């Protein structure tokens, strides 16, 4: 798995921040390199939130932005927004 890159975008609460830190640690430990926020990457994990209307809006914006800016990458939406409204994301 040479030269695979990832980035994790975190929205919302401390739980999301903890989960995102764990994902980053695991991917880096498996040999993946972390891309900067504005760089393209092979995998983008967006840890979403739905607790407030603003957070839900930011989650939708982040998903659309990464799909647009990483056309060849794999985009994974996780977190409470993704769990509560999976059809809206797919």
PDB file of N, CA and C in Angstrom:
ATOM      1  N   UNK A   1       0.831  -1.169   0.000  1.00  0.00           N
ATOM      2  CA  UNK A   1       0.000   0.000   0.000  1.00  0.00           C
ATOM      3  C   UNK A   1       0.887   1.247   0.000  1.00  0.00           C
ATOM      4  N   UNK A   2       1.745   1.365  -0.950  1.00  0.00           N
ATOM      5  CA  UNK A   2       2.707   2.449  -1.007  1.00  0.00           C
ATOM      6  C   UNK A   2       2.051   3.759  -1.411  1.00  0.00           C
ATOM      7  N   UNK A   3       2.474   4.816  -0.749  1.00  0.00           N
ATOM      8  CA  UNK A   3       2.080   6.176  -1.098  1.00  0.00           C
ATOM      9  C   UNK A   3       0.587   6.452  -1.025  1.00  0.00           C
ATOM     10  N   UNK A   4      -0.160   5.762  -0.213  1.00  0.00           N
ATOM     11  CA  UNK A   4      -1.578   6.053  -0.028  1.00  0.00           C
ATOM     12  C   UNK A   4      -1.710   7.208   0.955  1.00  0.00           C
ATOM     13  N   UNK A   5      -2.629   8.121   0.645  1.00  0.00           N
ATOM     14  CA  UNK A   5      -2.811   9.279   1.516  1.00  0.00           C
ATOM     15  C   UNK A   5      -4.250   9.366   2.008  1.00  0.00           C
ATOM     16  N   UNK A   6      -4.404  10.034   3.137  1.00  0.00           N
ATOM     17  CA  UNK A   6      -5.727  10.210   3.730  1.00  0.00           C
ATOM     18  C   UNK A   6      -5.818  11.583   4.362  1.00  0.00           C
ATOM     19  N   UNK A   7      -7.042  12.013   4.583  1.00  0.00           N
ATOM     20  CA  UNK A   7      -7.279  13.147   5.462  1.00  0.00           C
ATOM     21  C   UNK A   7      -8.580  12.912   6.199  1.00  0.00           C
ATOM     22  N   UNK A   8      -8.636  13.448   7.395  1.00  0.00           N
ATOM     23  CA  UNK A   8      -9.807  13.313   8.248  1.00  0.00           C
ATOM     24  C   UNK A   8     -10.293  14.721   8.572  1.00  0.00           C
ATOM     25  N   UNK A   9     -11.554  14.970   8.278  1.00  0.00           N
ATOM     26  CA  UNK A   9     -12.178  16.260   8.571  1.00  0.00           C
ATOM     27  C   UNK A   9     -13.172  16.022   9.699  1.00  0.00           C
ATOM     28  N   UNK A  10     -13.050  16.802  10.754  1.00  0.00           N
ATOM     29  CA  UNK A  10     -13.869  16.580  11.942  1.00  0.00           C
ATOM     30  C   UNK A  10     -14.794  17.759  12.196  1.00  0.00           C
ATOM     31  N   UNK A  11     -16.071  17.454  12.332  1.00  0.00           N
ATOM     32  CA  UNK A  11     -17.077  18.452  12.687  1.00  0.00           C
ATOM     33  C   UNK A  11     -17.750  17.989  13.968  1.00  0.00           C
ATOM     34  N   UNK A  12     -18.060  18.918  14.849  1.00  0.00           N
ATOM     35  CA  UNK A  12     -18.853  18.544  16.011  1.00  0.00           C
ATOM     36  C   UNK A  12     -18.098  18.389  17.308  1.00  0.00           C
ATOM     37  N   UNK A  13     -18.529  17.423  18.070  1.00  0.00           N
ATOM     38  CA  UNK A  13     -18.218  17.292  19.493  1.00  0.00           C
ATOM     39  C   UNK A  13     -16.859  16.654  19.794  1.00  0.00           C
ATOM     40  N   UNK A  14     -16.595  16.573  21.096  1.00  0.00           N
ATOM     41  CA  UNK A  14     -15.360  15.940  21.579  1.00  0.00           C
ATOM     42  C   UNK A  14     -15.287  14.460  21.204  1.00  0.00           C
ATOM     43  N   UNK A  15     -16.420  13.791  21.159  1.00  0.00           N
ATOM     44  CA  UNK A  15     -16.421  12.377  20.761  1.00  0.00           C
ATOM     45  C   UNK A  15     -15.913  12.261  19.327  1.00  0.00           C
ATOM     46  N   UNK A  16     -16.396  13.115  18.435  1.00  0.00           N
ATOM     47  CA  UNK A  16     -15.919  13.101  17.053  1.00  0.00           C
ATOM     48  C   UNK A  16     -14.426  13.401  16.991  1.00  0.00           C
ATOM     49  N   UNK A  17     -13.966  14.346  17.804  1.00  0.00           N
ATOM     50  CA  UNK A  17     -12.542  14.673  17.818  1.00  0.00           C
ATOM     51  C   UNK A  17     -11.716  13.471  18.269  1.00  0.00           C
ATOM     52  N   UNK A  18     -12.178  12.775  19.277  1.00  0.00           N
ATOM     53  CA  UNK A  18     -11.485  11.581  19.763  1.00  0.00           C
ATOM     54  C   UNK A  18     -11.470  10.489  18.692  1.00  0.00           C
ATOM     55  N   UNK A  19     -12.632  10.237  18.089  1.00  0.00           N
ATOM     56  CA  UNK A  19     -12.719   9.203  17.053  1.00  0.00           C
ATOM     57  C   UNK A  19     -11.825   9.540  15.863  1.00  0.00           C
ATOM     58  N   UNK A  20     -11.797  10.805  15.475  1.00  0.00           N
ATOM     59  CA  UNK A  20     -10.957  11.217  14.349  1.00  0.00           C
ATOM     60  C   UNK A  20      -9.479  11.038  14.670  1.00  0.00           C
ATOM     61  N   UNK A  21      -9.087  11.379  15.894  1.00  0.00           N
ATOM     62  CA  UNK A  21      -7.692  11.185  16.303  1.00  0.00           C
ATOM     63  C   UNK A  21      -7.326   9.707  16.244  1.00  0.00           C
ATOM     64  N   UNK A  22      -8.238   8.850  16.662  1.00  0.00           N
ATOM     65  CA  UNK A  22      -8.009   7.408  16.609  1.00  0.00           C
ATOM     66  C   UNK A  22      -7.845   6.940  15.160  1.00  0.00           C
ATOM     67  N   UNK A  23      -8.718   7.403  14.268  1.00  0.00           N
ATOM     68  CA  UNK A  23      -8.623   7.017  12.856  1.00  0.00           C
ATOM     69  C   UNK A  23      -7.294   7.465  12.250  1.00  0.00           C
ATOM     70  N   UNK A  24      -6.886   8.691  12.551  1.00  0.00           N
ATOM     71  CA  UNK A  24      -5.606   9.203  12.042  1.00  0.00           C
ATOM     72  C   UNK A  24      -4.446   8.336  12.529  1.00  0.00           C
ATOM     73  N   UNK A  25      -4.475   8.006  13.813  1.00  0.00           N
ATOM     74  CA  UNK A  25      -3.415   7.189  14.402  1.00  0.00           C
ATOM     75  C   UNK A  25      -3.343   5.815  13.739  1.00  0.00           C
ATOM     76  N   UNK A  26      -4.488   5.189  13.534  1.00  0.00           N
ATOM     77  CA  UNK A  26      -4.524   3.854  12.920  1.00  0.00           C
ATOM     78  C   UNK A  26      -4.045   3.892  11.473  1.00  0.00           C
ATOM     79  N   UNK A  27      -4.501   4.873  10.709  1.00  0.00           N
ATOM     80  CA  UNK A  27      -4.088   4.961   9.304  1.00  0.00           C
ATOM     81  C   UNK A  27      -2.592   5.254   9.195  1.00  0.00           C
ATOM     82  N   UNK A  28      -2.094   6.180  10.001  1.00  0.00           N
ATOM     83  CA  UNK A  28      -0.659   6.481   9.987  1.00  0.00           C
ATOM     84  C   UNK A  28       0.142   5.251  10.407  1.00  0.00           C
ATOM     85  N   UNK A  29      -0.347   4.525  11.386  1.00  0.00           N
ATOM     86  CA  UNK A  29       0.322   3.305  11.836  1.00  0.00           C
ATOM     87  C   UNK A  29       0.350   2.214  10.783  1.00  0.00           C
ATOM     88  N   UNK A  30      -0.607   2.271   9.852  1.00  0.00           N
ATOM     89  CA  UNK A  30      -0.662   1.291   8.765  1.00  0.00           C
ATOM     90  C   UNK A  30       0.139   1.751   7.548  1.00  0.00           C
ATOM     91  N   UNK A  31       0.852   2.877   7.692  1.00  0.00           N
ATOM     92  CA  UNK A  31       1.718   3.334   6.614  1.00  0.00           C
ATOM     93  C   UNK A  31       1.124   4.378   5.686  1.00  0.00           C
ATOM     94  N   UNK A  32      -0.068   4.843   5.976  1.00  0.00           N
ATOM     95  CA  UNK A  32      -0.690   5.884   5.155  1.00  0.00           C
ATOM     96  C   UNK A  32      -0.106   7.236   5.550  1.00  0.00           C
ATOM     97  N   UNK A  33      -0.042   8.158   4.594  1.00  0.00           N
ATOM     98  CA  UNK A  33       0.437   9.504   4.902  1.00  0.00           C
ATOM     99  C   UNK A  33      -0.748  10.461   4.966  1.00  0.00           C
ATOM    100  N   UNK A  34      -0.669  11.389   5.908  1.00  0.00           N
ATOM    101  CA  UNK A  34      -1.765  12.334   6.092  1.00  0.00           C
ATOM    102  C   UNK A  34      -1.580  13.526   5.163  1.00  0.00           C
ATOM    103  N   UNK A  35      -2.599  13.800   4.357  1.00  0.00           N
ATOM    104  CA  UNK A  35      -2.587  14.949   3.454  1.00  0.00           C
ATOM    105  C   UNK A  35      -3.077  16.178   4.213  1.00  0.00           C
ATOM    106  N   UNK A  36      -2.664  17.338   3.740  1.00  0.00           N
ATOM    107  CA  UNK A  36      -3.160  18.582   4.318  1.00  0.00           C
ATOM    108  C   UNK A  36      -4.615  18.812   3.949  1.00  0.00           C
ATOM    109  N   UNK A  37      -5.262  19.688   4.665  1.00  0.00           N
ATOM    110  CA  UNK A  37      -6.701  19.943   4.467  1.00  0.00           C
ATOM    111  C   UNK A  37      -7.020  20.330   3.028  1.00  0.00           C
ATOM    112  N   UNK A  38      -6.168  21.096   2.382  1.00  0.00           N
ATOM    113  CA  UNK A  38      -6.439  21.561   1.019  1.00  0.00           C
ATOM    114  C   UNK A  38      -5.819  20.665  -0.056  1.00  0.00           C
ATOM    115  N   UNK A  39      -5.186  19.584   0.332  1.00  0.00           N
ATOM    116  CA  UNK A  39      -4.591  18.657  -0.630  1.00  0.00           C
ATOM    117  C   UNK A  39      -5.583  17.556  -1.000  1.00  0.00           C
ATOM    118  N   UNK A  40      -5.409  16.990  -2.192  1.00  0.00           N
ATOM    119  CA  UNK A  40      -6.213  15.825  -2.549  1.00  0.00           C
ATOM    120  C   UNK A  40      -5.615  14.605  -1.845  1.00  0.00           C
ATOM    121  N   UNK A  41      -6.431  13.580  -1.694  1.00  0.00           N
ATOM    122  CA  UNK A  41      -5.950  12.364  -1.047  1.00  0.00           C
ATOM    123  C   UNK A  41      -6.719  11.166  -1.581  1.00  0.00           C
ATOM    124  N   UNK A  42      -6.182   9.988  -1.326  1.00  0.00           N
ATOM    125  CA  UNK A  42      -6.836   8.757  -1.772  1.00  0.00           C
ATOM    126  C   UNK A  42      -8.121   8.494  -0.996  1.00  0.00           C
ATOM    127  N   UNK A  43      -8.105   8.820   0.288  1.00  0.00           N
ATOM    128  CA  UNK A  43      -9.260   8.598   1.155  1.00  0.00           C
ATOM    129  C   UNK A  43      -9.511   9.861   1.977  1.00  0.00           C
ATOM    130  N   UNK A  44     -10.773  10.268   2.032  1.00  0.00           N
ATOM    131  CA  UNK A  44     -11.188  11.374   2.898  1.00  0.00           C
ATOM    132  C   UNK A  44     -12.265  10.843   3.835  1.00  0.00           C
ATOM    133  N   UNK A  45     -12.035  10.991   5.119  1.00  0.00           N
ATOM    134  CA  UNK A  45     -13.027  10.602   6.117  1.00  0.00           C
ATOM    135  C   UNK A  45     -13.581  11.886   6.719  1.00  0.00           C
ATOM    136  N   UNK A  46     -14.890  12.067   6.593  1.00  0.00           N
ATOM    137  CA  UNK A  46     -15.542  13.249   7.145  1.00  0.00           C
ATOM    138  C   UNK A  46     -16.374  12.793   8.335  1.00  0.00           C
ATOM    139  N   UNK A  47     -15.973  13.220   9.515  1.00  0.00           N
ATOM    140  CA  UNK A  47     -16.675  12.860  10.740  1.00  0.00           C
ATOM    141  C   UNK A  47     -17.747  13.925  10.965  1.00  0.00           C
ATOM    142  N   UNK A  48     -18.988  13.580  10.648  1.00  0.00           N
ATOM    143  CA  UNK A  48     -20.088  14.533  10.559  1.00  0.00           C
ATOM    144  C   UNK A  48     -20.817  14.732  11.885  1.00  0.00           C
ATOM    145  N   UNK A  49     -21.648  15.776  11.911  1.00  0.00           N
ATOM    146  CA  UNK A  49     -22.431  16.109  13.098  1.00  0.00           C
ATOM    147  C   UNK A  49     -23.818  16.589  12.674  1.00  0.00           C
ATOM    148  N   UNK A  50     -24.812  16.283  13.483  1.00  0.00           N
ATOM    149  CA  UNK A  50     -26.178  16.723  13.209  1.00  0.00           C
ATOM    150  C   UNK A  50     -26.818  17.385  14.437  1.00  0.00           C
ATOM    151  N   UNK A  51     -26.049  17.621  15.472  1.00  0.00           N
ATOM    152  CA  UNK A  51     -26.596  18.131  16.728  1.00  0.00           C
ATOM    153  C   UNK A  51     -27.260  19.500  16.545  1.00  0.00           C
ATOM    154  N   UNK A  52     -26.658  20.365  15.750  1.00  0.00           N
ATOM    155  CA  UNK A  52     -27.261  21.668  15.459  1.00  0.00           C
ATOM    156  C   UNK A  52     -27.484  21.792  13.958  1.00  0.00           C
ATOM    157  N   UNK A  53     -28.351  22.707  13.581  1.00  0.00           N
ATOM    158  CA  UNK A  53     -28.614  22.948  12.162  1.00  0.00           C
ATOM    159  C   UNK A  53     -27.342  23.418  11.452  1.00  0.00           C
ATOM    160  N   UNK A  54     -26.559  24.249  12.129  1.00  0.00           N
ATOM    161  CA  UNK A  54     -25.306  24.739  11.554  1.00  0.00           C
ATOM    162  C   UNK A  54     -24.329  23.584  11.309  1.00  0.00           C
ATOM    163  N   UNK A  55     -24.213  22.684  12.265  1.00  0.00           N
ATOM    164  CA  UNK A  55     -23.312  21.540  12.116  1.00  0.00           C
ATOM    165  C   UNK A  55     -23.758  20.631  10.976  1.00  0.00           C
ATOM    166  N   UNK A  56     -25.067  20.424  10.849  1.00  0.00           N
ATOM    167  CA  UNK A  56     -25.586  19.600   9.749  1.00  0.00           C
ATOM    168  C   UNK A  56     -25.268  20.250   8.408  1.00  0.00           C
ATOM    169  N   UNK A  57     -25.437  21.562   8.333  1.00  0.00           N
ATOM    170  CA  UNK A  57     -25.127  22.299   7.102  1.00  0.00           C
ATOM    171  C   UNK A  57     -23.635  22.181   6.771  1.00  0.00           C
ATOM    172  N   UNK A  58     -22.787  22.345   7.778  1.00  0.00           N
ATOM    173  CA  UNK A  58     -21.342  22.222   7.566  1.00  0.00           C
ATOM    174  C   UNK A  58     -20.969  20.813   7.122  1.00  0.00           C
ATOM    175  N   UNK A  59     -21.655  19.824   7.644  1.00  0.00           N
ATOM    176  CA  UNK A  59     -21.394  18.438   7.245  1.00  0.00           C
ATOM    177  C   UNK A  59     -21.715  18.240   5.772  1.00  0.00           C
ATOM    178  N   UNK A  60     -22.886  18.718   5.341  1.00  0.00           N
ATOM    179  CA  UNK A  60     -23.261  18.602   3.919  1.00  0.00           C
ATOM    180  C   UNK A  60     -22.271  19.345   3.034  1.00  0.00           C
ATOM    181  N   UNK A  61     -21.878  20.545   3.451  1.00  0.00           N
ATOM    182  CA  UNK A  61     -20.912  21.328   2.675  1.00  0.00           C
ATOM    183  C   UNK A  61     -19.579  20.593   2.548  1.00  0.00           C
ATOM    184  N   UNK A  62     -19.097  20.035   3.639  1.00  0.00           N
ATOM    185  CA  UNK A  62     -17.810  19.335   3.626  1.00  0.00           C
ATOM    186  C   UNK A  62     -17.856  18.125   2.703  1.00  0.00           C
ATOM    187  N   UNK A  63     -18.946  17.388   2.737  1.00  0.00           N
ATOM    188  CA  UNK A  63     -19.084  16.214   1.866  1.00  0.00           C
ATOM    189  C   UNK A  63     -19.070  16.636   0.404  1.00  0.00           C
ATOM    190  N   UNK A  64     -19.877  17.642   0.054  1.00  0.00           N
ATOM    191  CA  UNK A  64     -19.919  18.109  -1.346  1.00  0.00           C
ATOM    192  C   UNK A  64     -18.563  18.634  -1.806  1.00  0.00           C
ATOM    193  N   UNK A  65     -17.892  19.391  -0.943  1.00  0.00           N
ATOM    194  CA  UNK A  65     -16.585  19.958  -1.288  1.00  0.00           C
ATOM    195  C   UNK A  65     -15.569  18.854  -1.574  1.00  0.00           C
ATOM    196  N   UNK A  66     -15.518  17.859  -0.725  1.00  0.00           N
ATOM    197  CA  UNK A  66     -14.536  16.793  -0.917  1.00  0.00           C
ATOM    198  C   UNK A  66     -14.855  15.932  -2.134  1.00  0.00           C
ATOM    199  N   UNK A  67     -16.122  15.705  -2.416  1.00  0.00           N
ATOM    200  CA  UNK A  67     -16.488  14.974  -3.637  1.00  0.00           C
ATOM    201  C   UNK A  67     -16.019  15.752  -4.858  1.00  0.00           C
ATOM    202  N   UNK A  68     -16.226  17.051  -4.832  1.00  0.00           N
ATOM    203  CA  UNK A  68     -15.828  17.913  -5.951  1.00  0.00           C
ATOM    204  C   UNK A  68     -14.303  17.985  -6.092  1.00  0.00           C
ATOM    205  N   UNK A  69     -13.591  18.100  -4.980  1.00  0.00           N
ATOM    206  CA  UNK A  69     -12.145  18.318  -5.021  1.00  0.00           C
ATOM    207  C   UNK A  69     -11.319  17.034  -5.038  1.00  0.00           C
ATOM    208  N   UNK A  70     -11.929  15.892  -4.774  1.00  0.00           N
ATOM    209  CA  UNK A  70     -11.239  14.594  -4.804  1.00  0.00           C
ATOM    210  C   UNK A  70     -12.005  13.630  -5.702  1.00  0.00           C
ATOM    211  N   UNK A  71     -12.118  13.943  -6.993  1.00  0.00           N
ATOM    212  CA  UNK A  71     -12.958  13.116  -7.870  1.00  0.00           C
ATOM    213  C   UNK A  71     -12.503  11.661  -7.977  1.00  0.00           C
ATOM    214  N   UNK A  72     -11.241  11.392  -7.797  1.00  0.00           N
ATOM    215  CA  UNK A  72     -10.749  10.019  -7.889  1.00  0.00           C
ATOM    216  C   UNK A  72     -10.590   9.348  -6.541  1.00  0.00           C
ATOM    217  N   UNK A  73     -10.910  10.067  -5.478  1.00  0.00           N
ATOM    218  CA  UNK A  73     -10.710   9.538  -4.133  1.00  0.00           C
ATOM    219  C   UNK A  73     -11.947   8.862  -3.576  1.00  0.00           C
ATOM    220  N   UNK A  74     -11.756   8.195  -2.467  1.00  0.00           N
ATOM    221  CA  UNK A  74     -12.847   7.532  -1.751  1.00  0.00           C
ATOM    222  C   UNK A  74     -13.259   8.453  -0.609  1.00  0.00           C
ATOM    223  N   UNK A  75     -14.531   8.837  -0.574  1.00  0.00           N
ATOM    224  CA  UNK A  75     -15.044   9.730   0.457  1.00  0.00           C
ATOM    225  C   UNK A  75     -15.912   8.911   1.413  1.00  0.00           C
ATOM    226  N   UNK A  76     -15.572   8.937   2.691  1.00  0.00           N
ATOM    227  CA  UNK A  76     -16.350   8.211   3.698  1.00  0.00           C
ATOM    228  C   UNK A  76     -16.927   9.206   4.695  1.00  0.00           C
ATOM    229  N   UNK A  77     -18.252   9.220   4.808  1.00  0.00           N
ATOM    230  CA  UNK A  77     -18.922  10.054   5.805  1.00  0.00           C
ATOM    231  C   UNK A  77     -19.263   9.174   6.999  1.00  0.00           C
ATOM    232  N   UNK A  78     -18.771   9.562   8.161  1.00  0.00           N
ATOM    233  CA  UNK A  78     -19.038   8.841   9.400  1.00  0.00           C
ATOM    234  C   UNK A  78     -19.598   9.843  10.407  1.00  0.00           C
ATOM    235  N   UNK A  79     -19.980   9.401  11.572  1.00  0.00           N
ATOM    236  CA  UNK A  79     -20.484  10.307  12.594  1.00  0.00           C
ATOM    237  C   UNK A  79     -22.002  10.341  12.635  1.00  0.00           C
ATOM    238  N   UNK A  80     -22.545  11.191  13.496  1.00  0.00           N
ATOM    239  CA  UNK A  80     -23.985  11.149  13.765  1.00  0.00           C
ATOM    240  C   UNK A  80     -24.840  11.607  12.588  1.00  0.00           C
ATOM    241  N   UNK A  81     -24.376  12.553  11.775  1.00  0.00           N
ATOM    242  CA  UNK A  81     -25.156  12.952  10.599  1.00  0.00           C
ATOM    243  C   UNK A  81     -25.269  11.777   9.633  1.00  0.00           C
ATOM    244  N   UNK A  82     -24.156  11.125   9.385  1.00  0.00           N
ATOM    245  CA  UNK A  82     -24.141   9.977   8.469  1.00  0.00           C
ATOM    246  C   UNK A  82     -25.009   8.836   8.992  1.00  0.00           C
ATOM    247  N   UNK A  83     -25.050   8.649  10.290  1.00  0.00           N
ATOM    248  CA  UNK A  83     -25.869   7.586  10.874  1.00  0.00           C
ATOM    249  C   UNK A  83     -27.350   7.938  10.861  1.00  0.00           C
ATOM    250  N   UNK A  84     -27.675   9.206  11.098  1.00  0.00           N
ATOM    251  CA  UNK A  84     -29.079   9.617  11.178  1.00  0.00           C
ATOM    252  C   UNK A  84     -29.738   9.751   9.806  1.00  0.00           C
ATOM    253  N   UNK A  85     -28.970  10.185   8.808  1.00  0.00           N
ATOM    254  CA  UNK A  85     -29.531  10.443   7.475  1.00  0.00           C
ATOM    255  C   UNK A  85     -28.700   9.791   6.368  1.00  0.00           C
ATOM    256  N   UNK A  86     -28.540   8.480   6.395  1.00  0.00           N
ATOM    257  CA  UNK A  86     -27.676   7.830   5.401  1.00  0.00           C
ATOM    258  C   UNK A  86     -28.166   7.997   3.964  1.00  0.00           C
ATOM    259  N   UNK A  87     -29.468   8.017   3.742  1.00  0.00           N
ATOM    260  CA  UNK A  87     -29.979   8.166   2.373  1.00  0.00           C
ATOM    261  C   UNK A  87     -29.669   9.542   1.811  1.00  0.00           C
ATOM    262  N   UNK A  88     -29.666  10.550   2.664  1.00  0.00           N
ATOM    263  CA  UNK A  88     -29.358  11.907   2.221  1.00  0.00           C
ATOM    264  C   UNK A  88     -27.906  12.018   1.763  1.00  0.00           C
ATOM    265  N   UNK A  89     -27.038  11.238   2.352  1.00  0.00           N
ATOM    266  CA  UNK A  89     -25.619  11.287   2.000  1.00  0.00           C
ATOM    267  C   UNK A  89     -25.317  10.453   0.762  1.00  0.00           C
ATOM    268  N   UNK A  90     -25.955   9.316   0.631  1.00  0.00           N
ATOM    269  CA  UNK A  90     -25.652   8.440  -0.504  1.00  0.00           C
ATOM    270  C   UNK A  90     -26.231   9.018  -1.747  1.00  0.00           C
TER     271      UNK A  90
END
